[in-house]
C-alpha atoms as a PDB file:
ATOM      1  CA  UNK A   1       0.000   0.000   0.000  1.00  0.00           C
ATOM      2  CA  UNK A   2       1.442   3.414  -0.978  1.00  0.00           C
ATOM      3  CA  UNK A   3       1.606   6.285   1.428  1.00  0.00           C
ATOM      4  CA  UNK A   4      -0.275   9.402   0.510  1.00  0.00           C
ATOM      5  CA  UNK A   5       1.825  12.518  -0.062  1.00  0.00           C
ATOM      6  CA  UNK A   6       0.301  15.854   0.864  1.00  0.00           C
ATOM      7  CA  UNK A   7       0.319  19.219  -0.852  1.00  0.00           C
ATOM      8  CA  UNK A   8      -0.304  22.124   1.498  1.00  0.00           C
ATOM      9  CA  UNK A   9      -1.155  25.391  -0.252  1.00  0.00           C
ATOM     10  CA  UNK A  10      -0.676  28.526   1.792  1.00  0.00           C
ATOM     11  CA  UNK A  11      -3.382  31.151   1.341  1.00  0.00           C
ATOM     12  CA  UNK A  12      -0.931  33.399  -0.510  1.00  0.00           C
ATOM     13  CA  UNK A  13      -0.200  30.635  -3.038  1.00  0.00           C
ATOM     14  CA  UNK A  14      -3.905  29.921  -3.538  1.00  0.00           C
ATOM     15  CA  UNK A  15      -4.547  33.617  -4.196  1.00  0.00           C
ATOM     16  CA  UNK A  16      -1.627  33.827  -6.624  1.00  0.00           C
ATOM     17  CA  UNK A  17      -2.845  30.750  -8.523  1.00  0.00           C
ATOM     18  CA  UNK A  18      -6.319  32.259  -8.833  1.00  0.00           C
ATOM     19  CA  UNK A  19      -4.889  35.617  -9.979  1.00  0.00           C
ATOM     20  CA  UNK A  20      -2.784  33.920 -12.653  1.00  0.00           C
ATOM     21  CA  UNK A  21      -5.761  31.853 -13.833  1.00  0.00           C
ATOM     22  CA  UNK A  22      -7.923  34.980 -14.019  1.00  0.00           C
ATOM     23  CA  UNK A  23      -5.232  36.684 -16.097  1.00  0.00           C
ATOM     24  CA  UNK A  24      -4.988  33.685 -18.430  1.00  0.00           C
ATOM     25  CA  UNK A  25      -8.787  33.472 -18.715  1.00  0.00           C
ATOM     26  CA  UNK A  26      -8.869  36.957 -20.257  1.00  0.00           C
ATOM     27  CA  UNK A  27      -7.550  35.335 -23.437  1.00  0.00           C
ATOM     28  CA  UNK A  28      -8.795  31.759 -23.030  1.00  0.00           C
ATOM     29  CA  UNK A  29     -10.886  29.999 -20.418  1.00  0.00           C
ATOM     30  CA  UNK A  30      -9.436  26.700 -21.666  1.00  0.00           C
ATOM     31  CA  UNK A  31      -5.881  27.866 -20.948  1.00  0.00           C
ATOM     32  CA  UNK A  32      -6.890  28.985 -17.461  1.00  0.00           C
ATOM     33  CA  UNK A  33      -8.421  25.577 -16.748  1.00  0.00           C
ATOM     34  CA  UNK A  34      -5.302  23.832 -18.087  1.00  0.00           C
ATOM     35  CA  UNK A  35      -3.250  26.016 -15.718  1.00  0.00           C
ATOM     36  CA  UNK A  36      -5.220  24.699 -12.720  1.00  0.00           C
ATOM     37  CA  UNK A  37      -4.688  21.130 -13.954  1.00  0.00           C
ATOM     38  CA  UNK A  38      -0.970  21.800 -14.456  1.00  0.00           C
ATOM     39  CA  UNK A  39      -0.655  23.195 -10.920  1.00  0.00           C
ATOM     40  CA  UNK A  40      -2.305  20.060  -9.555  1.00  0.00           C
ATOM     41  CA  UNK A  41      -0.089  17.704 -11.563  1.00  0.00           C
ATOM     42  CA  UNK A  42       3.110  19.604 -10.787  1.00  0.00           C
ATOM     43  CA  UNK A  43       2.480  19.862  -7.053  1.00  0.00           C
ATOM     44  CA  UNK A  44       1.623  16.144  -6.862  1.00  0.00           C
ATOM     45  CA  UNK A  45       4.913  15.338  -8.621  1.00  0.00           C
ATOM     46  CA  UNK A  46       6.823  17.572  -6.214  1.00  0.00           C
ATOM     47  CA  UNK A  47       5.072  15.996  -3.222  1.00  0.00           C
ATOM     48  CA  UNK A  48       6.480  12.620  -4.312  1.00  0.00           C
ATOM     49  CA  UNK A  49       9.934  14.033  -5.140  1.00  0.00           C
ATOM     50  CA  UNK A  50      10.315  17.116  -2.935  1.00  0.00           C
ATOM     51  CA  UNK A  51      14.027  17.587  -3.612  1.00  0.00           C
ATOM     52  CA  UNK A  52      13.422  17.798  -7.369  1.00  0.00           C
ATOM     53  CA  UNK A  53      13.271  21.590  -7.449  1.00  0.00           C
ATOM     54  CA  UNK A  54      16.109  24.079  -7.546  1.00  0.00           C
ATOM     55  CA  UNK A  55      17.240  25.061  -4.063  1.00  0.00           C
ATOM     56  CA  UNK A  56      16.914  28.785  -3.440  1.00  0.00           C
ATOM     57  CA  UNK A  57      18.852  31.033  -1.113  1.00  0.00           C
ATOM     58  CA  UNK A  58      16.402  32.820   1.155  1.00  0.00           C
ATOM     59  CA  UNK A  59      16.975  35.725   3.504  1.00  0.00           C
ATOM     60  CA  UNK A  60      14.794  34.113   6.185  1.00  0.00           C
ATOM     61  CA  UNK A  61      16.562  31.155   7.894  1.00  0.00           C
ATOM     62  CA  UNK A  62      13.172  29.440   8.285  1.00  0.00           C
ATOM     63  CA  UNK A  63      13.207  29.082   4.494  1.00  0.00           C
ATOM     64  CA  UNK A  64      16.591  27.350   4.293  1.00  0.00           C
ATOM     65  CA  UNK A  65      15.043  24.408   2.390  1.00  0.00           C
ATOM     66  CA  UNK A  66      13.122  26.604  -0.069  1.00  0.00           C
ATOM     67  CA  UNK A  67      12.967  25.217  -3.614  1.00  0.00           C
ATOM     68  CA  UNK A  68      11.360  26.210  -6.895  1.00  0.00           C
ATOM     69  CA  UNK A  69      10.061  24.326  -9.919  1.00  0.00           C
ATOM     70  CA  UNK A  70       8.322  25.423 -13.126  1.00  0.00           C
ATOM     71  CA  UNK A  71       4.656  24.622 -13.609  1.00  0.00           C
ATOM     72  CA  UNK A  72       4.244  21.797 -16.157  1.00  0.00           C
ATOM     73  CA  UNK A  73       3.352  23.338 -19.520  1.00  0.00           C
ATOM     74  CA  UNK A  74       3.587  26.872 -18.106  1.00  0.00           C
ATOM     75  CA  UNK A  75       7.345  27.209 -17.687  1.00  0.00           C
ATOM     76  CA  UNK A  76       7.178  30.968 -17.099  1.00  0.00           C
ATOM     77  CA  UNK A  77       5.442  30.308 -13.761  1.00  0.00           C
ATOM     78  CA  UNK A  78       7.389  29.042 -10.758  1.00  0.00           C
ATOM     79  CA  UNK A  79       6.184  27.178  -7.686  1.00  0.00           C
ATOM     80  CA  UNK A  80       8.117  28.047  -4.528  1.00  0.00           C
ATOM     81  CA  UNK A  81       7.785  25.347  -1.886  1.00  0.00           C
ATOM     82  CA  UNK A  82       9.261  23.727   1.191  1.00  0.00           C
ATOM     83  CA  UNK A  83       9.783  19.968   1.414  1.00  0.00           C
ATOM     84  CA  UNK A  84       7.875  18.438   4.347  1.00  0.00           C
ATOM     85  CA  UNK A  85       7.979  14.929   5.824  1.00  0.00           C
ATOM     86  CA  UNK A  86       4.734  13.958   4.146  1.00  0.00           C
ATOM     87  CA  UNK A  87       4.950  16.092   0.973  1.00  0.00           C
ATOM     88  CA  UNK A  88       5.367  19.797   0.266  1.00  0.00           C
ATOM     89  CA  UNK A  89       4.111  23.180   1.409  1.00  0.00           C
ATOM     90  CA  UNK A  90       3.581  25.647  -1.431  1.00  0.00           C
ATOM     91  CA  UNK A  91       4.404  29.205  -0.413  1.00  0.00           C
ATOM     92  CA  UNK A  92       4.104  31.096  -3.708  1.00  0.00           C
ATOM     93  CA  UNK A  93       3.355  30.697  -7.390  1.00  0.00           C
ATOM     94  CA  UNK A  94       4.722  33.601  -9.440  1.00  0.00           C
ATOM     95  CA  UNK A  95       5.830  34.544 -12.930  1.00  0.00           C
ATOM     96  CA  UNK A  96       9.569  33.983 -13.280  1.00  0.00           C
ATOM     97  CA  UNK A  97      10.175  37.470 -14.679  1.00  0.00           C
ATOM     98  CA  UNK A  98       9.210  39.095 -11.374  1.00  0.00           C
ATOM     99  CA  UNK A  99      11.884  40.610  -9.192  1.00  0.00           C
ATOM    100  CA  UNK A 100      12.206  37.486  -7.035  1.00  0.00           C
ATOM    101  CA  UNK A 101      14.681  38.871  -4.475  1.00  0.00           C
ATOM    102  CA  UNK A 102      12.441  41.877  -3.816  1.00  0.00           C
ATOM    103  CA  UNK A 103       9.110  40.055  -4.084  1.00  0.00           C
ATOM    104  CA  UNK A 104       9.998  36.842  -2.217  1.00  0.00           C
ATOM    105  CA  UNK A 105      13.296  37.531  -0.491  1.00  0.00           C
ATOM    106  CA  UNK A 106      15.097  34.794  -2.491  1.00  0.00           C
ATOM    107  CA  UNK A 107      17.858  34.516  -5.070  1.00  0.00           C
END
């Protein structure tokens, strides 16, 4: 029997996902729906392989394990997450062109 891996979405990440989907829906509702599916698939993958993402250097020591990974099929968008014993905790989902050090406190 396989153990279930969890994906915890912080409220900030949920809001960012919805904002991105709303932006994408301005041009295509289908693309926005595919974005939600891609978020789900990507976070499930990361929950099973939490060390897959690129390790980030964060200003806050509590974020020493912070990692990022591109959303499947939407490579301009990055998921920032922390590995947890039973999966991952998603902190942010942002466009990669944003000023990440200023916006998230990471390099």
